[in-house]
Each structure stands twice: as C-alpha cells, then as structure tokens.
Protein backbone atom coordinates (compact mmCIF):
# COMPACT_ATOMS: atom_id res chain seq x y z
CA MET A 1 -5.32 16.90 -18.44
CA ILE A 2 -2.65 14.33 -17.54
CA GLU A 3 -0.29 15.89 -20.08
CA THR A 4 -0.74 19.34 -18.53
CA LEU A 5 -0.21 17.97 -15.02
CA THR A 6 2.89 16.10 -16.18
CA LYS A 7 4.35 19.28 -17.68
CA GLU A 8 3.65 21.21 -14.48
CA ILE A 9 5.34 18.53 -12.39
CA MET A 10 8.35 18.46 -14.73
CA ALA A 11 8.70 22.23 -14.41
CA SER A 12 8.61 22.15 -10.61
CA GLN A 13 11.68 22.68 -8.47
CA LEU A 14 11.04 19.41 -6.67
CA SER A 15 11.14 17.49 -9.94
CA GLN A 16 14.34 19.20 -10.99
CA TRP A 17 15.92 18.50 -7.58
CA VAL A 18 14.99 14.80 -7.69
CA GLN A 19 16.39 14.48 -11.20
CA ALA A 20 19.58 16.41 -10.44
CA THR A 21 20.48 14.69 -7.15
CA TYR A 22 22.22 11.50 -8.24
CA TRP A 23 22.14 9.78 -4.84
CA LEU A 24 18.48 10.51 -4.09
CA TRP A 25 16.79 7.85 -6.24
CA PRO A 26 18.67 4.90 -4.67
CA VAL A 27 17.97 6.27 -1.16
CA LEU A 28 14.28 6.61 -2.04
CA GLU A 29 14.29 3.02 -3.31
CA ILE A 30 15.75 1.80 0.00
CA ILE A 31 13.19 3.75 2.04
CA HIS A 32 10.40 2.56 -0.27
CA PHE A 33 11.49 -1.06 0.20
CA PHE A 34 11.65 -0.59 3.98
CA GLY A 35 8.12 0.86 3.93
CA LEU A 36 6.97 -2.02 1.77
CA THR A 37 8.40 -4.48 4.28
CA LEU A 38 6.52 -2.84 7.15
CA LEU A 39 3.31 -2.53 5.14
CA MET A 40 3.21 -6.02 3.66
CA GLY A 41 4.81 -7.80 6.60
CA GLY A 42 2.24 -6.46 9.02
CA LEU A 43 -0.69 -6.81 6.65
CA ILE A 44 0.08 -10.42 5.84
CA ILE A 45 -0.11 -11.33 9.51
CA VAL A 46 -3.20 -9.20 10.18
CA ASP A 47 -5.04 -10.37 7.05
CA LEU A 48 -4.19 -14.04 7.50
CA ARG A 49 -5.45 -13.86 11.09
CA MET A 50 -8.64 -12.18 9.92
CA ILE A 51 -9.11 -14.96 7.37
CA GLY A 52 -8.80 -17.56 10.13
CA PHE A 53 -5.15 -18.60 10.26
CA PHE A 54 -3.15 -18.50 13.53
CA PRO A 55 -6.22 -19.01 15.76
CA THR A 56 -4.10 -18.94 18.92
CA ILE A 57 -3.23 -15.29 18.27
CA SER A 58 -6.03 -12.91 19.22
CA LEU A 59 -7.45 -10.53 16.64
CA GLN A 60 -6.78 -7.70 19.09
CA GLY A 61 -3.15 -8.84 19.33
CA VAL A 62 -2.53 -8.59 15.60
CA LYS A 63 -4.25 -5.20 15.63
CA LYS A 64 -1.17 -3.91 17.44
CA LEU A 65 0.72 -4.31 14.15
CA LEU A 66 -1.45 -1.70 12.40
CA PRO A 67 0.69 1.33 13.43
CA PHE A 68 3.66 -0.33 11.69
CA VAL A 69 1.51 -0.99 8.63
CA ILE A 70 0.37 2.65 8.54
CA PHE A 71 3.94 3.90 8.98
CA GLY A 72 5.06 1.66 6.11
CA PHE A 73 2.25 2.98 3.94
CA LEU A 74 3.22 6.58 4.71
CA LEU A 75 6.86 5.88 3.83
CA ASN A 76 5.72 4.40 0.52
CA LEU A 77 3.34 7.27 -0.15
CA ILE A 78 6.05 9.88 0.40
CA THR A 79 8.73 8.06 -1.58
CA GLY A 80 6.19 7.26 -4.29
CA ILE A 81 5.43 10.95 -4.71
CA PHE A 82 9.15 11.60 -5.07
CA PHE A 83 9.34 8.88 -7.75
CA ILE A 84 6.51 10.53 -9.66
CA TYR A 85 8.27 13.89 -9.45
CA GLY A 86 11.52 12.26 -10.55
CA ASP A 87 10.07 10.80 -13.76
CA PRO A 88 6.53 12.12 -14.30
CA SER A 89 6.31 11.35 -18.01
CA ARG A 90 7.01 7.64 -17.44
CA TYR A 91 4.45 7.29 -14.64
CA ALA A 92 1.77 9.28 -16.50
CA ILE A 93 1.59 6.75 -19.35
CA ASN A 94 2.37 3.58 -17.39
CA ILE A 95 -0.64 1.25 -17.29
CA GLY A 96 0.88 -0.73 -14.41
CA PHE A 97 1.16 2.45 -12.33
CA GLN A 98 -2.37 3.55 -13.21
CA ILE A 99 -3.87 0.21 -12.19
CA LYS A 100 -1.73 0.26 -9.04
CA LEU A 101 -3.23 3.61 -8.02
CA ILE A 102 -6.76 2.30 -8.57
CA LEU A 103 -6.00 -0.77 -6.45
CA ILE A 104 -4.52 1.40 -3.67
CA LEU A 105 -7.74 3.42 -3.69
CA LEU A 106 -9.77 0.20 -3.46
CA ALA A 107 -7.54 -1.06 -0.64
CA GLY A 108 -8.16 2.24 1.15
CA CYS A 109 -11.91 1.73 0.77
CA ASN A 110 -11.51 -1.80 2.14
CA ALA A 111 -9.56 -0.40 5.11
CA ALA A 112 -12.35 2.12 5.70
CA ILE A 113 -14.90 -0.71 5.68
CA TYR A 114 -12.75 -2.51 8.23
CA HIS A 115 -12.42 0.57 10.42
CA PHE A 116 -16.06 1.69 10.32
CA ARG A 117 -17.93 -1.62 10.00
CA VAL A 118 -15.79 -4.60 10.97
CA GLU A 119 -13.45 -3.41 13.72
CA SER A 120 -16.21 -3.48 16.32
CA TYR A 121 -16.72 -7.21 15.58
CA VAL A 122 -13.00 -7.75 16.11
CA LEU A 123 -13.18 -5.98 19.47
CA ASP A 124 -16.24 -8.04 20.45
CA LEU A 125 -14.37 -11.25 19.72
CA GLY A 126 -11.67 -10.13 22.15
CA SER A 127 -9.03 -12.76 22.76
CA SER A 128 -11.30 -15.57 21.63
CA SER A 129 -9.62 -18.14 19.44
CA ARG A 130 -12.86 -19.06 17.67
CA ARG A 131 -13.06 -18.63 13.93
CA PRO A 132 -13.82 -15.09 12.71
CA PRO A 133 -17.17 -14.39 11.00
CA LEU A 134 -17.41 -14.33 7.19
CA THR A 135 -17.42 -10.50 7.09
CA ILE A 136 -14.04 -10.32 8.79
CA LYS A 137 -12.69 -13.06 6.53
CA LEU A 138 -13.84 -11.23 3.39
CA VAL A 139 -12.25 -7.95 4.46
CA GLY A 140 -8.98 -9.76 5.24
CA LEU A 141 -9.00 -11.71 1.97
CA THR A 142 -9.80 -8.58 -0.04
CA SER A 143 -6.99 -6.67 1.67
CA LEU A 144 -4.50 -9.45 1.08
CA GLY A 145 -5.46 -9.73 -2.59
CA LEU A 146 -5.43 -6.00 -3.28
CA TRP A 147 -2.10 -5.33 -1.58
CA THR A 148 -0.49 -8.32 -3.27
CA ALA A 149 -1.63 -6.97 -6.63
CA VAL A 150 -0.31 -3.49 -5.68
CA LEU A 151 3.05 -5.05 -4.84
CA LEU A 152 3.22 -6.97 -8.12
CA LEU A 153 2.17 -3.99 -10.23
CA GLY A 154 4.71 -1.79 -8.49
CA ARG A 155 7.39 -4.28 -9.40
CA LEU A 156 6.20 -4.32 -13.02
CA ILE A 157 6.23 -0.53 -13.48
CA PRO A 158 9.72 -0.49 -15.07
CA TYR A 159 8.71 -3.18 -17.54
CA VAL A 160 5.14 -2.50 -18.73
CA GLY A 161 3.29 0.28 -20.46
CA THR A 162 6.12 2.74 -20.92
CA GLY A 163 5.51 3.27 -24.61
C-alpha cells in the first residue's frame, strides 16, 4: 500500500514541480523552521505554565499564544507535505518520519483532550496564580514531551532509517 502511494505521489505534477524547482526546497526549509519556531516557542511557554512554572502569568494569558502555535503548526503541515512530495521514497521508508507522524497524531489527541476536557478548568482558574490541578499539569507535560520528540525525530530524518 505504501509503495503504491509512493509511486502515485512520485508521478504527480506537484512532486515533479518540487523536484524540478531548485530554489523551492531551501525556501520550504526556511518556512518550516519559522513554523517550528512559532509552534515550539509558544508551546514551551504554554506547557510550562500548565505544568506550574511562571505562576505570576495567568493561564488565560498564555492561552493568547495558541493562535501563533496553530499558525506555526499549519506552516509546518503545509511545508511538510511539500517535503513528502519532493522525496516520497525517502519518507516512505524512514522510521524516524513514521514515528514522528504517530507522535504528531498523539499530540493532536492530547490537544483535543485539552480543548474538550481541560480548557474549562483553565478558564475557571482565571487569573489566579495558584498551582494548576494535576490534570492540567499532565496535559502540559504530555504536550511538551510529545512535541519535543517530534522536533528531535524531525531533525533525525536525514540520518536514520533511509535504507
């Protein structure tokens, strides 16, 4: 199945355009790095606050960083798709990339738990500087761990599991 999908991607016009446009890959790398900066920079602050650091900053205050985090994620999603189209055979067999995708899915599930189960607790705490409950801490710690692993695996893609 993966082999068939890889062949279809390689035959696509988008794949051929990415491969034939010599300046595109470096531009995508720059945009991907910018998205990574927004994503990780915002998440580190949000997650550390959820864990209990920076108690003078309200949980609602750090929540204002989430649009930047989401924008960074979208930049990385779009550029990541271009990377896959640019070299589908490498990504298809790369164990680092495969684990990275699984961790991104888990991080998305953790974000859904935050949004549907934990966010109301954050709003109830308001601008209180008291320590967040264990549930909020666990969601923040899980997010921080998953996204750090995603970052590290992304960096390892050129070096591991390429046959």
